[in-house]
Amino acid sequence: MLELFVTSRARRKILVVFAKYPDFKTHVRGLAKLIKEDPGNVQRELERLATGNFLIVTKKGKTKIYQTNKRYPILKELQSIVIKSQKGSKPSKKIG
């Protein structure tokens, strides 16, 4: 359902991670490995989300660390949308 509104596959995956886990902190390569996307695409999307104030960027040496901006005005609504879209996206396997 989220793909209807967010056309970039990498951006969708990033939004899901940061909306579901607002305390999560990561760098580009770690996130790229986690969501199985090209680090270049992940870097570009992280920068866009940081420019829009959805993400906060801090530097640790030369490495940029990204985390959810918990003061983002529509964070709660976005979290709700992500959770609802996750429920209907993949059928769960039945055991037994």
N, C-alpha and C. Protein backbone atom coordinates (compact mmCIF):
# COMPACT_ATOMS: atom_id res chain seq x y z
N MET A 1 0.82 -1.19 0.00
CA MET A 1 0.00 0.00 0.00
C MET A 1 0.87 1.26 0.00
N LEU A 2 1.97 1.24 0.69
CA LEU A 2 2.84 2.40 0.78
C LEU A 2 3.45 2.75 -0.58
N GLU A 3 3.61 1.73 -1.46
CA GLU A 3 4.19 1.97 -2.78
C GLU A 3 3.32 2.87 -3.66
N LEU A 4 2.06 2.98 -3.33
CA LEU A 4 1.16 3.85 -4.06
C LEU A 4 1.55 5.33 -3.88
N PHE A 5 2.04 5.68 -2.71
CA PHE A 5 2.37 7.07 -2.39
C PHE A 5 3.86 7.37 -2.43
N VAL A 6 4.68 6.38 -2.12
CA VAL A 6 6.13 6.56 -2.13
C VAL A 6 6.69 5.67 -3.23
N THR A 7 7.08 6.27 -4.33
CA THR A 7 7.45 5.49 -5.51
C THR A 7 8.86 4.91 -5.45
N SER A 8 9.76 5.48 -4.68
CA SER A 8 11.12 4.96 -4.58
C SER A 8 11.15 3.77 -3.61
N ARG A 9 11.58 2.62 -4.13
CA ARG A 9 11.65 1.42 -3.30
C ARG A 9 12.59 1.61 -2.12
N ALA A 10 13.75 2.22 -2.36
CA ALA A 10 14.71 2.46 -1.29
C ALA A 10 14.13 3.40 -0.23
N ARG A 11 13.45 4.46 -0.68
CA ARG A 11 12.86 5.40 0.28
C ARG A 11 11.79 4.72 1.12
N ARG A 12 10.98 3.87 0.49
CA ARG A 12 9.95 3.13 1.25
C ARG A 12 10.58 2.30 2.35
N LYS A 13 11.62 1.56 2.00
CA LYS A 13 12.28 0.70 2.99
C LYS A 13 12.88 1.53 4.12
N ILE A 14 13.49 2.65 3.77
CA ILE A 14 14.09 3.53 4.77
C ILE A 14 13.02 4.10 5.69
N LEU A 15 11.92 4.57 5.12
CA LEU A 15 10.82 5.11 5.93
C LEU A 15 10.29 4.06 6.90
N VAL A 16 10.14 2.84 6.42
CA VAL A 16 9.63 1.76 7.27
C VAL A 16 10.57 1.54 8.45
N VAL A 17 11.86 1.44 8.19
CA VAL A 17 12.84 1.20 9.26
C VAL A 17 12.80 2.32 10.30
N PHE A 18 12.89 3.57 9.85
CA PHE A 18 12.97 4.68 10.80
C PHE A 18 11.63 4.99 11.47
N ALA A 19 10.51 4.69 10.81
CA ALA A 19 9.21 4.93 11.44
C ALA A 19 8.91 3.84 12.48
N LYS A 20 9.24 2.59 12.15
CA LYS A 20 8.97 1.50 13.09
C LYS A 20 9.92 1.50 14.28
N TYR A 21 11.15 1.95 14.05
CA TYR A 21 12.18 1.92 15.10
C TYR A 21 12.79 3.31 15.27
N PRO A 22 12.08 4.23 15.91
CA PRO A 22 12.54 5.62 16.01
C PRO A 22 13.84 5.81 16.79
N ASP A 23 14.26 4.83 17.58
CA ASP A 23 15.52 4.94 18.32
C ASP A 23 16.71 4.37 17.54
N PHE A 24 16.44 3.84 16.36
CA PHE A 24 17.47 3.23 15.52
C PHE A 24 18.43 4.28 14.99
N LYS A 25 19.73 4.00 15.09
CA LYS A 25 20.77 4.89 14.55
C LYS A 25 21.64 4.05 13.63
N THR A 26 22.01 4.61 12.48
CA THR A 26 22.81 3.85 11.54
C THR A 26 23.59 4.75 10.61
N HIS A 27 24.54 4.17 9.91
CA HIS A 27 25.27 4.87 8.85
C HIS A 27 24.83 4.27 7.52
N VAL A 28 25.25 4.87 6.43
CA VAL A 28 24.76 4.51 5.10
C VAL A 28 24.98 3.03 4.79
N ARG A 29 26.18 2.56 4.93
CA ARG A 29 26.48 1.17 4.55
C ARG A 29 25.75 0.15 5.42
N GLY A 30 25.63 0.45 6.70
CA GLY A 30 24.90 -0.46 7.60
C GLY A 30 23.44 -0.58 7.21
N LEU A 31 22.83 0.56 6.88
CA LEU A 31 21.43 0.55 6.46
C LEU A 31 21.27 -0.12 5.10
N ALA A 32 22.18 0.16 4.18
CA ALA A 32 22.12 -0.45 2.85
C ALA A 32 22.17 -1.97 2.95
N LYS A 33 23.02 -2.48 3.82
CA LYS A 33 23.13 -3.92 4.01
C LYS A 33 21.84 -4.47 4.64
N LEU A 34 21.30 -3.76 5.60
CA LEU A 34 20.08 -4.19 6.29
C LEU A 34 18.89 -4.29 5.34
N ILE A 35 18.72 -3.28 4.49
CA ILE A 35 17.54 -3.27 3.60
C ILE A 35 17.84 -3.81 2.21
N LYS A 36 19.08 -4.28 2.00
CA LYS A 36 19.50 -4.89 0.74
C LYS A 36 19.29 -3.96 -0.46
N GLU A 37 19.83 -2.75 -0.33
CA GLU A 37 19.77 -1.75 -1.40
C GLU A 37 21.17 -1.22 -1.65
N ASP A 38 21.38 -0.64 -2.82
CA ASP A 38 22.65 -0.05 -3.21
C ASP A 38 22.98 1.13 -2.28
N PRO A 39 24.20 1.18 -1.73
CA PRO A 39 24.57 2.28 -0.83
C PRO A 39 24.42 3.67 -1.46
N GLY A 40 24.64 3.79 -2.76
CA GLY A 40 24.48 5.08 -3.43
C GLY A 40 23.03 5.56 -3.39
N ASN A 41 22.10 4.64 -3.65
CA ASN A 41 20.68 4.98 -3.57
C ASN A 41 20.27 5.31 -2.14
N VAL A 42 20.78 4.55 -1.20
CA VAL A 42 20.46 4.77 0.21
C VAL A 42 20.98 6.14 0.64
N GLN A 43 22.20 6.47 0.25
CA GLN A 43 22.79 7.77 0.60
C GLN A 43 21.93 8.91 0.07
N ARG A 44 21.53 8.81 -1.18
CA ARG A 44 20.71 9.85 -1.81
C ARG A 44 19.37 10.02 -1.07
N GLU A 45 18.72 8.92 -0.74
CA GLU A 45 17.43 8.99 -0.05
C GLU A 45 17.58 9.49 1.39
N LEU A 46 18.64 9.09 2.06
CA LEU A 46 18.88 9.58 3.42
C LEU A 46 19.08 11.09 3.42
N GLU A 47 19.82 11.59 2.44
CA GLU A 47 20.04 13.03 2.34
C GLU A 47 18.73 13.77 2.09
N ARG A 48 17.87 13.22 1.25
CA ARG A 48 16.57 13.85 0.99
C ARG A 48 15.73 13.88 2.26
N LEU A 49 15.72 12.78 2.98
CA LEU A 49 14.92 12.71 4.21
C LEU A 49 15.50 13.61 5.30
N ALA A 50 16.81 13.77 5.32
CA ALA A 50 17.44 14.68 6.28
C ALA A 50 17.15 16.13 5.91
N THR A 51 17.16 16.45 4.63
CA THR A 51 16.84 17.80 4.16
C THR A 51 15.40 18.16 4.53
N GLY A 52 14.51 17.17 4.49
CA GLY A 52 13.11 17.39 4.86
C GLY A 52 12.87 17.32 6.36
N ASN A 53 13.93 17.18 7.15
CA ASN A 53 13.88 17.14 8.61
C ASN A 53 13.25 15.89 9.20
N PHE A 54 13.03 14.85 8.40
CA PHE A 54 12.53 13.58 8.95
C PHE A 54 13.64 12.87 9.71
N LEU A 55 14.89 13.05 9.24
CA LEU A 55 16.04 12.43 9.88
C LEU A 55 16.98 13.49 10.45
N ILE A 56 17.65 13.12 11.52
CA ILE A 56 18.69 13.95 12.12
C ILE A 56 20.03 13.33 11.76
N VAL A 57 20.98 14.15 11.37
CA VAL A 57 22.31 13.67 11.00
C VAL A 57 23.32 14.18 12.02
N THR A 58 24.12 13.26 12.56
CA THR A 58 25.23 13.64 13.43
C THR A 58 26.49 13.02 12.83
N LYS A 59 27.62 13.62 13.14
CA LYS A 59 28.88 13.10 12.63
C LYS A 59 29.67 12.44 13.74
N LYS A 60 30.21 11.28 13.42
CA LYS A 60 31.10 10.57 14.33
C LYS A 60 32.38 10.35 13.54
N GLY A 61 33.33 11.24 13.73
CA GLY A 61 34.52 11.23 12.87
C GLY A 61 34.12 11.69 11.48
N LYS A 62 34.40 10.87 10.49
CA LYS A 62 34.01 11.18 9.11
C LYS A 62 32.68 10.55 8.74
N THR A 63 32.13 9.75 9.62
CA THR A 63 30.91 9.01 9.33
C THR A 63 29.66 9.77 9.76
N LYS A 64 28.67 9.81 8.88
CA LYS A 64 27.39 10.42 9.21
C LYS A 64 26.48 9.34 9.81
N ILE A 65 25.87 9.68 10.94
CA ILE A 65 24.94 8.77 11.60
C ILE A 65 23.54 9.37 11.47
N TYR A 66 22.60 8.54 11.04
CA TYR A 66 21.23 8.99 10.81
C TYR A 66 20.30 8.39 11.86
N GLN A 67 19.34 9.20 12.30
CA GLN A 67 18.32 8.72 13.23
C GLN A 67 17.04 9.52 13.00
N THR A 68 15.93 8.97 13.47
CA THR A 68 14.63 9.62 13.31
C THR A 68 14.56 10.90 14.13
N ASN A 69 14.00 11.93 13.52
CA ASN A 69 13.73 13.18 14.23
C ASN A 69 12.41 12.97 14.97
N LYS A 70 12.48 12.76 16.27
CA LYS A 70 11.28 12.47 17.05
C LYS A 70 10.36 13.68 17.18
N ARG A 71 10.83 14.84 16.77
CA ARG A 71 10.00 16.05 16.79
C ARG A 71 9.39 16.33 15.42
N TYR A 72 9.54 15.40 14.48
CA TYR A 72 8.96 15.58 13.15
C TYR A 72 7.45 15.71 13.29
N PRO A 73 6.85 16.75 12.70
CA PRO A 73 5.44 17.06 12.95
C PRO A 73 4.45 15.93 12.69
N ILE A 74 4.70 15.09 11.68
CA ILE A 74 3.74 14.04 11.38
C ILE A 74 4.30 12.64 11.64
N LEU A 75 5.24 12.54 12.57
CA LEU A 75 5.86 11.24 12.85
C LEU A 75 4.84 10.20 13.30
N LYS A 76 3.97 10.56 14.23
CA LYS A 76 2.98 9.59 14.73
C LYS A 76 2.06 9.10 13.61
N GLU A 77 1.64 10.02 12.75
CA GLU A 77 0.78 9.65 11.64
C GLU A 77 1.51 8.74 10.66
N LEU A 78 2.78 9.06 10.38
CA LEU A 78 3.58 8.25 9.48
C LEU A 78 3.79 6.85 10.06
N GLN A 79 4.06 6.78 11.36
CA GLN A 79 4.22 5.47 12.00
C GLN A 79 2.94 4.66 11.86
N SER A 80 1.81 5.29 12.04
CA SER A 80 0.53 4.60 11.91
C SER A 80 0.33 4.08 10.49
N ILE A 81 0.65 4.89 9.51
CA ILE A 81 0.52 4.48 8.11
C ILE A 81 1.44 3.30 7.80
N VAL A 82 2.66 3.38 8.27
CA VAL A 82 3.62 2.30 8.02
C VAL A 82 3.14 1.00 8.64
N ILE A 83 2.69 1.05 9.87
CA ILE A 83 2.21 -0.16 10.55
C ILE A 83 1.00 -0.74 9.83
N LYS A 84 0.07 0.11 9.43
CA LYS A 84 -1.12 -0.36 8.71
C LYS A 84 -0.74 -0.95 7.35
N SER A 85 0.20 -0.35 6.66
CA SER A 85 0.60 -0.86 5.35
C SER A 85 1.35 -2.19 5.48
N GLN A 86 2.04 -2.39 6.59
CA GLN A 86 2.75 -3.64 6.82
C GLN A 86 1.78 -4.78 7.08
N LYS A 87 0.70 -4.51 7.75
CA LYS A 87 -0.29 -5.55 8.09
C LYS A 87 -0.92 -6.15 6.85
N GLY A 88 -1.20 -5.33 5.85
CA GLY A 88 -1.90 -5.83 4.68
C GLY A 88 -1.01 -6.21 3.52
N SER A 89 0.30 -6.05 3.65
CA SER A 89 1.17 -6.24 2.50
C SER A 89 1.53 -7.69 2.20
N LYS A 90 1.84 -8.49 3.21
CA LYS A 90 2.29 -9.86 2.98
C LYS A 90 1.46 -10.82 3.81
N PRO A 91 0.92 -11.84 3.18
CA PRO A 91 0.19 -12.82 3.98
C PRO A 91 1.14 -13.59 4.88
N SER A 92 0.73 -13.82 6.10
CA SER A 92 1.59 -14.56 7.03
C SER A 92 1.44 -16.06 6.78
N LYS A 93 2.52 -16.79 7.03
CA LYS A 93 2.49 -18.23 6.86
C LYS A 93 1.78 -18.85 8.05
N LYS A 94 0.94 -19.81 7.76
CA LYS A 94 0.24 -20.50 8.83
C LYS A 94 1.05 -21.73 9.24
N ILE A 95 1.12 -21.93 10.52
CA ILE A 95 1.85 -23.07 11.05
C ILE A 95 0.83 -24.19 11.29
N GLY A 96 1.21 -25.37 10.81
CA GLY A 96 0.35 -26.54 11.08
C GLY A 96 -0.48 -26.99 10.00
